[in-house]
């Protein structure tokens, strides 16, 4: 039997998370991004087995893994703005003194899961684009007989541009083939 509990975070609740994230960022100023990511990997390692039975927390940890992959993927080359926002949130997760201490059984990682949820919602466009890139890179690498690491974001963007131009040409041709008989728009000068 499962039980559904819905949390509604008020502006005041969200402010508390923002405040905690800001405080964690201040406390982590001396750390490099690599050290912060290593700390978050340690959190993942500690929480992975312990939260396996908690679908809410465990599914957020999976999102966190994807976010770390996105940050570290040199082929993707995450832009500075998104990288800065992601790193700011990761400092909270790397902080051992968060809102709910991690050692409390069943609840210790709940605040971390909420922070991951907030972070991934904020970065959803970047995450979605990264997922598209990973799918493209795997398929294109297999098609070309190369290693996925040999393809990068600029290859992806060129391929997307080619797809869009091809789609535009197809639509234009379809538009010409119906209607006036000559294949040309009556308003077309070209």
C-alpha atoms as a PDB file:
ATOM      1  CA  UNK A   1       0.000   0.000   0.000  1.00  0.00           C
ATOM      2  CA  UNK A   2       1.342   3.411  -0.881  1.00  0.00           C
ATOM      3  CA  UNK A   3       0.434   6.725   0.641  1.00  0.00           C
ATOM      4  CA  UNK A   4       0.581   9.969  -1.298  1.00  0.00           C
ATOM      5  CA  UNK A   5       1.578  13.079   0.623  1.00  0.00           C
ATOM      6  CA  UNK A   6       1.785  16.377  -1.193  1.00  0.00           C
ATOM      7  CA  UNK A   7       4.052  19.128   0.048  1.00  0.00           C
ATOM      8  CA  UNK A   8       3.277  22.688  -0.833  1.00  0.00           C
ATOM      9  CA  UNK A   9       6.211  24.981  -0.276  1.00  0.00           C
ATOM     10  CA  UNK A  10       5.226  28.568   0.412  1.00  0.00           C
ATOM     11  CA  UNK A  11       7.327  31.559  -0.578  1.00  0.00           C
ATOM     12  CA  UNK A  12       8.587  31.592   3.002  1.00  0.00           C
ATOM     13  CA  UNK A  13       9.626  27.932   2.724  1.00  0.00           C
ATOM     14  CA  UNK A  14      11.387  28.596  -0.573  1.00  0.00           C
ATOM     15  CA  UNK A  15      13.143  31.598   0.964  1.00  0.00           C
ATOM     16  CA  UNK A  16      14.467  29.298   3.673  1.00  0.00           C
ATOM     17  CA  UNK A  17      15.943  26.977   1.035  1.00  0.00           C
ATOM     18  CA  UNK A  18      17.439  29.949  -0.815  1.00  0.00           C
ATOM     19  CA  UNK A  19      18.913  31.244   2.430  1.00  0.00           C
ATOM     20  CA  UNK A  20      20.381  27.834   3.266  1.00  0.00           C
ATOM     21  CA  UNK A  21      21.810  27.554  -0.263  1.00  0.00           C
ATOM     22  CA  UNK A  22      23.363  31.036   0.013  1.00  0.00           C
ATOM     23  CA  UNK A  23      24.900  30.205   3.366  1.00  0.00           C
ATOM     24  CA  UNK A  24      26.307  26.950   1.993  1.00  0.00           C
ATOM     25  CA  UNK A  25      27.746  28.816  -0.999  1.00  0.00           C
ATOM     26  CA  UNK A  26      29.454  31.272   1.352  1.00  0.00           C
ATOM     27  CA  UNK A  27      30.904  28.428   3.400  1.00  0.00           C
ATOM     28  CA  UNK A  28      32.210  26.754   0.233  1.00  0.00           C
ATOM     29  CA  UNK A  29      33.969  29.724  -1.360  1.00  0.00           C
ATOM     30  CA  UNK A  30      37.366  28.163  -0.746  1.00  0.00           C
ATOM     31  CA  UNK A  31      36.402  24.957  -2.564  1.00  0.00           C
ATOM     32  CA  UNK A  32      36.966  24.359  -6.242  1.00  0.00           C
ATOM     33  CA  UNK A  33      34.095  23.103  -8.411  1.00  0.00           C
ATOM     34  CA  UNK A  34      35.876  19.736  -8.554  1.00  0.00           C
ATOM     35  CA  UNK A  35      35.923  19.517  -4.735  1.00  0.00           C
ATOM     36  CA  UNK A  36      32.235  20.432  -4.540  1.00  0.00           C
ATOM     37  CA  UNK A  37      31.347  17.792  -7.120  1.00  0.00           C
ATOM     38  CA  UNK A  38      33.449  15.232  -5.205  1.00  0.00           C
ATOM     39  CA  UNK A  39      31.520  16.106  -2.018  1.00  0.00           C
ATOM     40  CA  UNK A  40      28.211  15.685  -3.856  1.00  0.00           C
ATOM     41  CA  UNK A  41      29.398  12.337  -5.234  1.00  0.00           C
ATOM     42  CA  UNK A  42      30.066  11.298  -1.645  1.00  0.00           C
ATOM     43  CA  UNK A  43      26.513  12.328  -0.715  1.00  0.00           C
ATOM     44  CA  UNK A  44      25.236  10.218  -3.625  1.00  0.00           C
ATOM     45  CA  UNK A  45      27.286   7.275  -2.492  1.00  0.00           C
ATOM     46  CA  UNK A  46      26.057   7.581   1.099  1.00  0.00           C
ATOM     47  CA  UNK A  47      22.425   8.091   0.119  1.00  0.00           C
ATOM     48  CA  UNK A  48      22.115   5.690  -2.822  1.00  0.00           C
ATOM     49  CA  UNK A  49      21.531   2.431  -0.947  1.00  0.00           C
ATOM     50  CA  UNK A  50      19.878   4.047   2.062  1.00  0.00           C
ATOM     51  CA  UNK A  51      17.197   5.704  -0.072  1.00  0.00           C
ATOM     52  CA  UNK A  52      16.575   2.879  -2.540  1.00  0.00           C
ATOM     53  CA  UNK A  53      13.181   2.201  -0.929  1.00  0.00           C
ATOM     54  CA  UNK A  54      12.190   5.877  -0.987  1.00  0.00           C
ATOM     55  CA  UNK A  55      11.068   6.587  -4.550  1.00  0.00           C
ATOM     56  CA  UNK A  56      10.858  10.365  -4.112  1.00  0.00           C
ATOM     57  CA  UNK A  57      14.387  10.762  -2.771  1.00  0.00           C
ATOM     58  CA  UNK A  58      15.940   8.075  -4.978  1.00  0.00           C
ATOM     59  CA  UNK A  59      14.479   9.524  -8.185  1.00  0.00           C
ATOM     60  CA  UNK A  60      15.927  12.934  -7.262  1.00  0.00           C
ATOM     61  CA  UNK A  61      19.327  11.349  -6.696  1.00  0.00           C
ATOM     62  CA  UNK A  62      19.137   9.981 -10.254  1.00  0.00           C
ATOM     63  CA  UNK A  63      18.521  13.528 -11.483  1.00  0.00           C
ATOM     64  CA  UNK A  64      21.525  14.669  -9.471  1.00  0.00           C
ATOM     65  CA  UNK A  65      23.689  12.049 -11.201  1.00  0.00           C
ATOM     66  CA  UNK A  66      22.548  13.406 -14.561  1.00  0.00           C
ATOM     67  CA  UNK A  67      23.326  16.965 -13.481  1.00  0.00           C
ATOM     68  CA  UNK A  68      26.863  15.983 -12.467  1.00  0.00           C
ATOM     69  CA  UNK A  69      27.343  14.173 -15.790  1.00  0.00           C
ATOM     70  CA  UNK A  70      26.169  17.318 -17.576  1.00  0.00           C
ATOM     71  CA  UNK A  71      28.613  19.498 -15.632  1.00  0.00           C
ATOM     72  CA  UNK A  72      31.541  17.178 -16.276  1.00  0.00           C
ATOM     73  CA  UNK A  73      30.798  16.375 -19.918  1.00  0.00           C
ATOM     74  CA  UNK A  74      33.465  18.241 -21.866  1.00  0.00           C
ATOM     75  CA  UNK A  75      31.677  17.535 -25.138  1.00  0.00           C
ATOM     76  CA  UNK A  76      28.608  19.337 -23.859  1.00  0.00           C
ATOM     77  CA  UNK A  77      30.565  22.287 -22.498  1.00  0.00           C
ATOM     78  CA  UNK A  78      27.886  23.688 -20.215  1.00  0.00           C
ATOM     79  CA  UNK A  79      27.791  27.484 -20.481  1.00  0.00           C
ATOM     80  CA  UNK A  80      28.984  29.584 -17.531  1.00  0.00           C
ATOM     81  CA  UNK A  81      25.561  30.915 -16.499  1.00  0.00           C
ATOM     82  CA  UNK A  82      23.989  27.472 -16.171  1.00  0.00           C
ATOM     83  CA  UNK A  83      27.189  26.092 -14.686  1.00  0.00           C
ATOM     84  CA  UNK A  84      27.234  28.822 -12.028  1.00  0.00           C
ATOM     85  CA  UNK A  85      23.607  28.199 -11.038  1.00  0.00           C
ATOM     86  CA  UNK A  86      24.168  24.462 -10.862  1.00  0.00           C
ATOM     87  CA  UNK A  87      27.350  24.823  -8.810  1.00  0.00           C
ATOM     88  CA  UNK A  88      25.605  27.214  -6.388  1.00  0.00           C
ATOM     89  CA  UNK A  89      22.945  24.602  -5.710  1.00  0.00           C
ATOM     90  CA  UNK A  90      25.491  21.791  -5.462  1.00  0.00           C
ATOM     91  CA  UNK A  91      27.253  23.652  -2.667  1.00  0.00           C
ATOM     92  CA  UNK A  92      24.106  23.152  -0.570  1.00  0.00           C
ATOM     93  CA  UNK A  93      24.147  19.429  -1.268  1.00  0.00           C
ATOM     94  CA  UNK A  94      27.854  19.236  -0.438  1.00  0.00           C
ATOM     95  CA  UNK A  95      27.254  20.963   2.897  1.00  0.00           C
ATOM     96  CA  UNK A  96      27.133  18.523   5.838  1.00  0.00           C
ATOM     97  CA  UNK A  97      25.135  21.082   7.868  1.00  0.00           C
ATOM     98  CA  UNK A  98      21.979  21.313   5.782  1.00  0.00           C
ATOM     99  CA  UNK A  99      18.392  21.812   7.015  1.00  0.00           C
ATOM    100  CA  UNK A 100      17.845  18.149   7.979  1.00  0.00           C
ATOM    101  CA  UNK A 101      20.988  16.291   9.096  1.00  0.00           C
ATOM    102  CA  UNK A 102      21.670  13.426   6.670  1.00  0.00           C
ATOM    103  CA  UNK A 103      22.162  10.852   9.439  1.00  0.00           C
ATOM    104  CA  UNK A 104      18.454  10.913  10.466  1.00  0.00           C
ATOM    105  CA  UNK A 105      17.000   7.641   9.106  1.00  0.00           C
ATOM    106  CA  UNK A 106      14.231   8.066   6.538  1.00  0.00           C
ATOM    107  CA  UNK A 107      14.279  11.864   6.584  1.00  0.00           C
ATOM    108  CA  UNK A 108      17.921  12.911   6.428  1.00  0.00           C
ATOM    109  CA  UNK A 109      18.004  13.238   2.660  1.00  0.00           C
ATOM    110  CA  UNK A 110      14.541  14.777   2.267  1.00  0.00           C
ATOM    111  CA  UNK A 111      15.805  18.375   2.210  1.00  0.00           C
ATOM    112  CA  UNK A 112      18.487  17.341  -0.273  1.00  0.00           C
ATOM    113  CA  UNK A 113      15.814  15.779  -2.506  1.00  0.00           C
ATOM    114  CA  UNK A 114      13.726  18.958  -2.316  1.00  0.00           C
ATOM    115  CA  UNK A 115      16.772  21.058  -3.231  1.00  0.00           C
ATOM    116  CA  UNK A 116      17.499  18.730  -6.175  1.00  0.00           C
ATOM    117  CA  UNK A 117      13.874  19.099  -7.290  1.00  0.00           C
ATOM    118  CA  UNK A 118      14.106  22.894  -7.125  1.00  0.00           C
ATOM    119  CA  UNK A 119      17.431  22.894  -8.943  1.00  0.00           C
ATOM    120  CA  UNK A 120      16.343  20.566 -11.744  1.00  0.00           C
ATOM    121  CA  UNK A 121      13.167  22.570 -12.295  1.00  0.00           C
ATOM    122  CA  UNK A 122      15.276  25.704 -12.631  1.00  0.00           C
ATOM    123  CA  UNK A 123      17.660  24.003 -15.062  1.00  0.00           C
ATOM    124  CA  UNK A 124      15.041  21.994 -16.990  1.00  0.00           C
ATOM    125  CA  UNK A 125      15.769  23.617 -20.394  1.00  0.00           C
ATOM    126  CA  UNK A 126      19.498  22.885 -20.014  1.00  0.00           C
ATOM    127  CA  UNK A 127      18.822  19.322 -18.829  1.00  0.00           C
ATOM    128  CA  UNK A 128      16.408  18.655 -21.687  1.00  0.00           C
ATOM    129  CA  UNK A 129      18.908  19.983 -24.245  1.00  0.00           C
ATOM    130  CA  UNK A 130      21.649  17.840 -22.686  1.00  0.00           C
ATOM    131  CA  UNK A 131      19.490  14.707 -22.912  1.00  0.00           C
ATOM    132  CA  UNK A 132      18.881  15.467 -26.612  1.00  0.00           C
ATOM    133  CA  UNK A 133      22.627  15.945 -27.087  1.00  0.00           C
ATOM    134  CA  UNK A 134      23.453  12.600 -25.429  1.00  0.00           C
ATOM    135  CA  UNK A 135      20.935  10.768 -27.639  1.00  0.00           C
ATOM    136  CA  UNK A 136      22.319  12.510 -30.745  1.00  0.00           C
ATOM    137  CA  UNK A 137      25.927  11.819 -29.766  1.00  0.00           C
ATOM    138  CA  UNK A 138      25.335   8.097 -29.168  1.00  0.00           C
ATOM    139  CA  UNK A 139      23.450   7.612 -32.453  1.00  0.00           C
ATOM    140  CA  UNK A 140      25.815   9.754 -34.520  1.00  0.00           C
ATOM    141  CA  UNK A 141      28.914   8.098 -33.056  1.00  0.00           C
ATOM    142  CA  UNK A 142      27.506   4.673 -33.888  1.00  0.00           C
ATOM    143  CA  UNK A 143      26.551   5.819 -37.399  1.00  0.00           C
ATOM    144  CA  UNK A 144      30.035   7.220 -38.029  1.00  0.00           C
ATOM    145  CA  UNK A 145      31.880   4.401 -36.254  1.00  0.00           C
ATOM    146  CA  UNK A 146      33.525   6.732 -33.759  1.00  0.00           C
ATOM    147  CA  UNK A 147      33.646   7.152 -30.014  1.00  0.00           C
ATOM    148  CA  UNK A 148      30.881   9.360 -28.547  1.00  0.00           C
ATOM    149  CA  UNK A 149      33.534  11.492 -26.809  1.00  0.00           C
ATOM    150  CA  UNK A 150      34.763  12.590 -30.236  1.00  0.00           C
ATOM    151  CA  UNK A 151      31.536  14.519 -30.855  1.00  0.00           C
ATOM    152  CA  UNK A 152      30.715  17.765 -29.107  1.00  0.00           C
ATOM    153  CA  UNK A 153      28.089  20.458 -28.767  1.00  0.00           C
ATOM    154  CA  UNK A 154      29.062  22.254 -31.984  1.00  0.00           C
ATOM    155  CA  UNK A 155      28.519  18.993 -33.957  1.00  0.00           C
ATOM    156  CA  UNK A 156      25.082  18.720 -32.336  1.00  0.00           C
ATOM    157  CA  UNK A 157      24.192  22.328 -33.136  1.00  0.00           C
ATOM    158  CA  UNK A 158      25.269  21.920 -36.783  1.00  0.00           C
ATOM    159  CA  UNK A 159      23.166  18.762 -37.062  1.00  0.00           C
ATOM    160  CA  UNK A 160      20.153  20.521 -35.515  1.00  0.00           C
ATOM    161  CA  UNK A 161      20.593  23.464 -37.886  1.00  0.00           C
ATOM    162  CA  UNK A 162      20.715  21.046 -40.841  1.00  0.00           C
ATOM    163  CA  UNK A 163      17.522  19.328 -39.603  1.00  0.00           C
ATOM    164  CA  UNK A 164      15.709  22.647 -39.259  1.00  0.00           C
ATOM    165  CA  UNK A 165      16.781  23.850 -42.715  1.00  0.00           C
ATOM    166  CA  UNK A 166      15.726  20.531 -44.284  1.00  0.00           C
ATOM    167  CA  UNK A 167      12.342  20.713 -42.567  1.00  0.00           C
ATOM    168  CA  UNK A 168      11.873  24.297 -43.753  1.00  0.00           C
ATOM    169  CA  UNK A 169      12.680  23.281 -47.368  1.00  0.00           C
ATOM    170  CA  UNK A 170      10.262  20.334 -47.206  1.00  0.00           C
ATOM    171  CA  UNK A 171       7.493  22.592 -45.913  1.00  0.00           C
ATOM    172  CA  UNK A 172       8.186  25.131 -48.639  1.00  0.00           C
ATOM    173  CA  UNK A 173       8.033  22.423 -51.335  1.00  0.00           C
ATOM    174  CA  UNK A 174       4.793  21.057 -49.887  1.00  0.00           C
ATOM    175  CA  UNK A 175       3.337  24.554 -49.918  1.00  0.00           C
ATOM    176  CA  UNK A 176       4.216  24.988 -53.597  1.00  0.00           C
ATOM    177  CA  UNK A 177       2.705  21.721 -54.720  1.00  0.00           C
ATOM    178  CA  UNK A 178      -0.876  22.508 -53.730  1.00  0.00           C
ATOM    179  CA  UNK A 179      -3.255  25.054 -55.084  1.00  0.00           C
ATOM    180  CA  UNK A 180      -2.488  27.391 -57.996  1.00  0.00           C
ATOM    181  CA  UNK A 181      -1.256  24.851 -60.533  1.00  0.00           C
ATOM    182  CA  UNK A 182       1.979  26.612 -61.450  1.00  0.00           C
ATOM    183  CA  UNK A 183       3.697  25.552 -58.267  1.00  0.00           C
ATOM    184  CA  UNK A 184       4.371  29.178 -57.378  1.00  0.00           C
ATOM    185  CA  UNK A 185       2.567  31.355 -54.943  1.00  0.00           C
ATOM    186  CA  UNK A 186       0.567  34.123 -56.624  1.00  0.00           C
ATOM    187  CA  UNK A 187       2.262  36.536 -54.253  1.00  0.00           C
ATOM    188  CA  UNK A 188       5.770  35.206 -54.798  1.00  0.00           C
ATOM    189  CA  UNK A 189       8.307  37.330 -56.612  1.00  0.00           C
ATOM    190  CA  UNK A 190      10.813  34.532 -56.556  1.00  0.00           C
END
